[in-house]
Amino acid sequence: RIAFCISDKISDRKKIVKIVKDAYGLRSKFLHHGQKVDDLKLFSEFMLIAWSFFDFLIFLSKDHNINSIGNFIDFIEKRKYS
């Protein structure tokens, strides 16, 4: 859903999905195995994606009156298939 929110281009969406999955993998290694997280480039890319997503959510709540998770899901589903 993050990818659908912050990009209209398929190639960008695929890149976003990969970055989020890779960042989640780092999180899991840290939490479950105590491994050090030293991939600052990946972390920076993920944080930019997260910031863009939250900025988009603010835009939705203000300009499209999206004020519930149900409304958000409906909006994303319409965006996904348009």
Protein backbone atom coordinates (compact mmCIF):
# COMPACT_ATOMS: atom_id res chain seq x y z
CA ARG A 1 0.00 0.00 0.00
CA ILE A 2 2.89 2.34 0.67
CA ALA A 3 4.06 1.92 -2.93
CA PHE A 4 0.60 2.69 -4.30
CA CYS A 5 0.42 5.81 -2.15
CA ILE A 6 3.67 7.44 -3.09
CA SER A 7 4.20 6.48 -6.73
CA ASP A 8 2.27 6.05 -9.93
CA LYS A 9 5.07 4.35 -11.85
CA ILE A 10 5.37 0.55 -11.75
CA SER A 11 9.17 0.60 -11.70
CA ASP A 12 9.20 2.97 -8.72
CA ARG A 13 6.60 0.86 -6.91
CA LYS A 14 8.71 -2.26 -7.36
CA LYS A 15 11.75 -0.43 -5.99
CA ILE A 16 9.75 0.81 -3.00
CA VAL A 17 8.52 -2.72 -2.23
CA LYS A 18 12.08 -4.06 -2.39
CA ILE A 19 13.43 -1.35 -0.09
CA VAL A 20 10.66 -1.88 2.47
CA LYS A 21 11.16 -5.66 2.44
CA ASP A 22 14.93 -5.28 2.76
CA ALA A 23 14.54 -2.80 5.63
CA TYR A 24 12.14 -5.17 7.36
CA GLY A 25 14.77 -7.88 6.98
CA LEU A 26 17.31 -5.66 8.74
CA ARG A 27 14.80 -5.03 11.51
CA SER A 28 14.24 -8.75 11.94
CA LYS A 29 17.97 -9.49 12.05
CA PHE A 30 18.38 -6.84 14.73
CA LEU A 31 15.40 -7.84 16.89
CA HIS A 32 15.55 -11.61 16.57
CA HIS A 33 19.26 -12.25 16.19
CA GLY A 34 20.92 -9.21 17.75
CA GLN A 35 22.79 -8.38 14.56
CA LYS A 36 24.13 -4.89 14.05
CA VAL A 37 22.36 -2.75 11.44
CA ASP A 38 25.02 -1.00 9.41
CA ASP A 39 23.35 -0.49 6.03
CA LEU A 40 22.82 3.25 6.35
CA LYS A 41 22.01 3.66 2.65
CA LEU A 42 19.09 1.25 2.91
CA PHE A 43 17.97 2.84 6.16
CA SER A 44 18.07 6.30 4.58
CA GLU A 45 16.07 5.11 1.56
CA PHE A 46 13.49 3.51 3.85
CA MET A 47 13.17 6.64 5.98
CA LEU A 48 12.57 8.76 2.86
CA ILE A 49 9.82 6.33 1.80
CA ALA A 50 8.29 6.43 5.29
CA TRP A 51 8.36 10.24 5.31
CA SER A 52 6.74 10.37 1.86
CA PHE A 53 4.03 7.96 3.00
CA PHE A 54 3.17 9.99 6.09
CA ASP A 55 3.13 13.17 4.00
CA PHE A 56 0.69 11.45 1.63
CA LEU A 57 -1.53 10.42 4.57
CA ILE A 58 -1.71 14.02 5.74
CA PHE A 59 -2.64 15.07 2.21
CA LEU A 60 -5.39 12.42 2.12
CA SER A 61 -6.88 13.42 5.43
CA LYS A 62 -6.87 17.10 4.51
CA ASP A 63 -7.79 17.13 0.81
CA HIS A 64 -9.84 13.93 0.44
CA ASN A 65 -11.43 13.70 3.89
CA ILE A 66 -9.98 10.21 4.45
CA ASN A 67 -10.50 9.81 8.18
CA SER A 68 -10.76 6.07 8.82
CA ILE A 69 -8.85 2.95 7.90
CA GLY A 70 -11.83 1.77 5.84
CA ASN A 71 -11.85 4.97 3.80
CA PHE A 72 -8.08 4.66 3.35
CA ILE A 73 -8.33 1.06 2.10
CA ASP A 74 -11.12 2.02 -0.32
CA PHE A 75 -9.06 4.92 -1.64
CA ILE A 76 -5.99 2.72 -2.19
CA GLU A 77 -8.04 -0.01 -3.89
CA LYS A 78 -9.49 2.55 -6.32
CA ARG A 79 -6.01 3.99 -6.94
CA LYS A 80 -4.58 0.51 -7.49
CA TYR A 81 -7.08 -0.36 -10.19
CA SER A 82 -7.28 3.02 -11.93
